[in-house]
C-alpha atoms as a PDB file:
ATOM      1  CA  UNK A   1       0.000   0.000   0.000  1.00  0.00           C
ATOM      2  CA  UNK A   2       1.290   3.438  -0.907  1.00  0.00           C
ATOM      3  CA  UNK A   3       1.727   6.029   1.815  1.00  0.00           C
ATOM      4  CA  UNK A   4       0.965   9.707   1.345  1.00  0.00           C
ATOM      5  CA  UNK A   5       4.731  10.314   0.995  1.00  0.00           C
ATOM      6  CA  UNK A   6       4.891   7.672  -1.748  1.00  0.00           C
ATOM      7  CA  UNK A   7       1.995   9.301  -3.588  1.00  0.00           C
ATOM      8  CA  UNK A   8       3.645  12.710  -3.284  1.00  0.00           C
ATOM      9  CA  UNK A   9       6.884  11.357  -4.758  1.00  0.00           C
ATOM     10  CA  UNK A  10       4.977   9.786  -7.671  1.00  0.00           C
ATOM     11  CA  UNK A  11       3.246  13.123  -8.294  1.00  0.00           C
ATOM     12  CA  UNK A  12       6.574  14.980  -8.313  1.00  0.00           C
ATOM     13  CA  UNK A  13       8.165  12.307 -10.526  1.00  0.00           C
ATOM     14  CA  UNK A  14       5.288  12.760 -12.976  1.00  0.00           C
ATOM     15  CA  UNK A  15       5.735  16.528 -12.922  1.00  0.00           C
ATOM     16  CA  UNK A  16       9.447  16.090 -13.631  1.00  0.00           C
ATOM     17  CA  UNK A  17       8.716  13.792 -16.577  1.00  0.00           C
ATOM     18  CA  UNK A  18       6.126  16.225 -17.974  1.00  0.00           C
ATOM     19  CA  UNK A  19       8.440  19.230 -17.606  1.00  0.00           C
ATOM     20  CA  UNK A  20      11.338  17.463 -19.300  1.00  0.00           C
ATOM     21  CA  UNK A  21       9.080  16.137 -22.086  1.00  0.00           C
ATOM     22  CA  UNK A  22       7.737  19.620 -22.740  1.00  0.00           C
ATOM     23  CA  UNK A  23      11.275  21.040 -22.767  1.00  0.00           C
ATOM     24  CA  UNK A  24      11.922  18.687 -25.682  1.00  0.00           C
ATOM     25  CA  UNK A  25       8.740  19.896 -27.422  1.00  0.00           C
ATOM     26  CA  UNK A  26       7.161  16.442 -27.522  1.00  0.00           C
ATOM     27  CA  UNK A  27       3.525  15.498 -27.236  1.00  0.00           C
ATOM     28  CA  UNK A  28       2.669  12.608 -24.943  1.00  0.00           C
ATOM     29  CA  UNK A  29       2.014  10.458 -27.988  1.00  0.00           C
ATOM     30  CA  UNK A  30       5.352  11.241 -29.667  1.00  0.00           C
ATOM     31  CA  UNK A  31       7.175  10.727 -26.380  1.00  0.00           C
ATOM     32  CA  UNK A  32       5.398   7.423 -25.714  1.00  0.00           C
ATOM     33  CA  UNK A  33       6.503   6.229 -29.152  1.00  0.00           C
ATOM     34  CA  UNK A  34      10.121   7.037 -28.274  1.00  0.00           C
ATOM     35  CA  UNK A  35      10.082   5.221 -24.921  1.00  0.00           C
ATOM     36  CA  UNK A  36       8.207   2.898 -26.119  1.00  0.00           C
ATOM     37  CA  UNK A  37       5.167   2.796 -23.836  1.00  0.00           C
ATOM     38  CA  UNK A  38       1.453   3.312 -24.341  1.00  0.00           C
ATOM     39  CA  UNK A  39       0.417   6.971 -24.306  1.00  0.00           C
ATOM     40  CA  UNK A  40      -2.073   6.188 -21.539  1.00  0.00           C
ATOM     41  CA  UNK A  41       0.793   4.795 -19.417  1.00  0.00           C
ATOM     42  CA  UNK A  42       2.790   8.008 -19.933  1.00  0.00           C
ATOM     43  CA  UNK A  43      -0.309  10.044 -19.027  1.00  0.00           C
ATOM     44  CA  UNK A  44      -0.701   8.013 -15.807  1.00  0.00           C
ATOM     45  CA  UNK A  45       2.980   8.574 -14.965  1.00  0.00           C
ATOM     46  CA  UNK A  46       2.685  12.323 -15.536  1.00  0.00           C
ATOM     47  CA  UNK A  47      -0.416  12.482 -13.318  1.00  0.00           C
ATOM     48  CA  UNK A  48       1.376  10.548 -10.594  1.00  0.00           C
ATOM     49  CA  UNK A  49      -1.223   7.793 -10.649  1.00  0.00           C
ATOM     50  CA  UNK A  50       1.169   5.084 -11.855  1.00  0.00           C
ATOM     51  CA  UNK A  51       3.808   3.431  -9.663  1.00  0.00           C
ATOM     52  CA  UNK A  52       6.498   3.206 -12.338  1.00  0.00           C
ATOM     53  CA  UNK A  53       8.637   0.093 -12.531  1.00  0.00           C
ATOM     54  CA  UNK A  54      12.393   0.510 -12.537  1.00  0.00           C
ATOM     55  CA  UNK A  55      12.872  -0.604 -16.159  1.00  0.00           C
ATOM     56  CA  UNK A  56      10.147   1.752 -17.385  1.00  0.00           C
ATOM     57  CA  UNK A  57      11.625   4.617 -15.334  1.00  0.00           C
ATOM     58  CA  UNK A  58      14.979   3.933 -16.980  1.00  0.00           C
ATOM     59  CA  UNK A  59      13.366   3.891 -20.445  1.00  0.00           C
ATOM     60  CA  UNK A  60      11.619   7.193 -19.711  1.00  0.00           C
ATOM     61  CA  UNK A  61      14.862   8.816 -18.569  1.00  0.00           C
ATOM     62  CA  UNK A  62      16.763   7.501 -21.600  1.00  0.00           C
ATOM     63  CA  UNK A  63      14.063   8.820 -23.950  1.00  0.00           C
ATOM     64  CA  UNK A  64      14.483  12.208 -22.260  1.00  0.00           C
ATOM     65  CA  UNK A  65      18.247  11.996 -22.737  1.00  0.00           C
ATOM     66  CA  UNK A  66      18.870  11.956 -18.980  1.00  0.00           C
ATOM     67  CA  UNK A  67      20.429   9.594 -16.497  1.00  0.00           C
ATOM     68  CA  UNK A  68      17.710   8.098 -14.297  1.00  0.00           C
ATOM     69  CA  UNK A  69      19.423   9.616 -11.258  1.00  0.00           C
ATOM     70  CA  UNK A  70      18.827  13.130 -12.631  1.00  0.00           C
ATOM     71  CA  UNK A  71      15.134  12.487 -13.205  1.00  0.00           C
ATOM     72  CA  UNK A  72      14.807  11.111  -9.681  1.00  0.00           C
ATOM     73  CA  UNK A  73      16.693  14.131  -8.319  1.00  0.00           C
ATOM     74  CA  UNK A  74      14.180  16.374 -10.123  1.00  0.00           C
ATOM     75  CA  UNK A  75      11.375  14.540  -8.334  1.00  0.00           C
ATOM     76  CA  UNK A  76      13.116  14.640  -4.951  1.00  0.00           C
ATOM     77  CA  UNK A  77      13.686  18.390  -5.200  1.00  0.00           C
ATOM     78  CA  UNK A  78      10.397  19.183  -6.903  1.00  0.00           C
ATOM     79  CA  UNK A  79      11.989  20.902  -9.906  1.00  0.00           C
ATOM     80  CA  UNK A  80      14.363  20.160 -12.787  1.00  0.00           C
ATOM     81  CA  UNK A  81      18.020  20.142 -11.803  1.00  0.00           C
ATOM     82  CA  UNK A  82      20.199  22.939 -13.263  1.00  0.00           C
END
């Protein structure tokens, strides 16, 4: 069962993914094709309603051109790293 802290981290992770995707000028659909994941999965991640598996988190980070650690740091700090 997810705690409120877990849910908050998932929300911030989703925000970090969305911000980085938008920085690249990609729609959810185009980004999902790059990952590859279903667009609905990406939408769930960005909303924070999906508990992302480690392999999918790595795929998302790679599609964004980031190390996974940087994407997680974005989520931990609530904003993209400089």
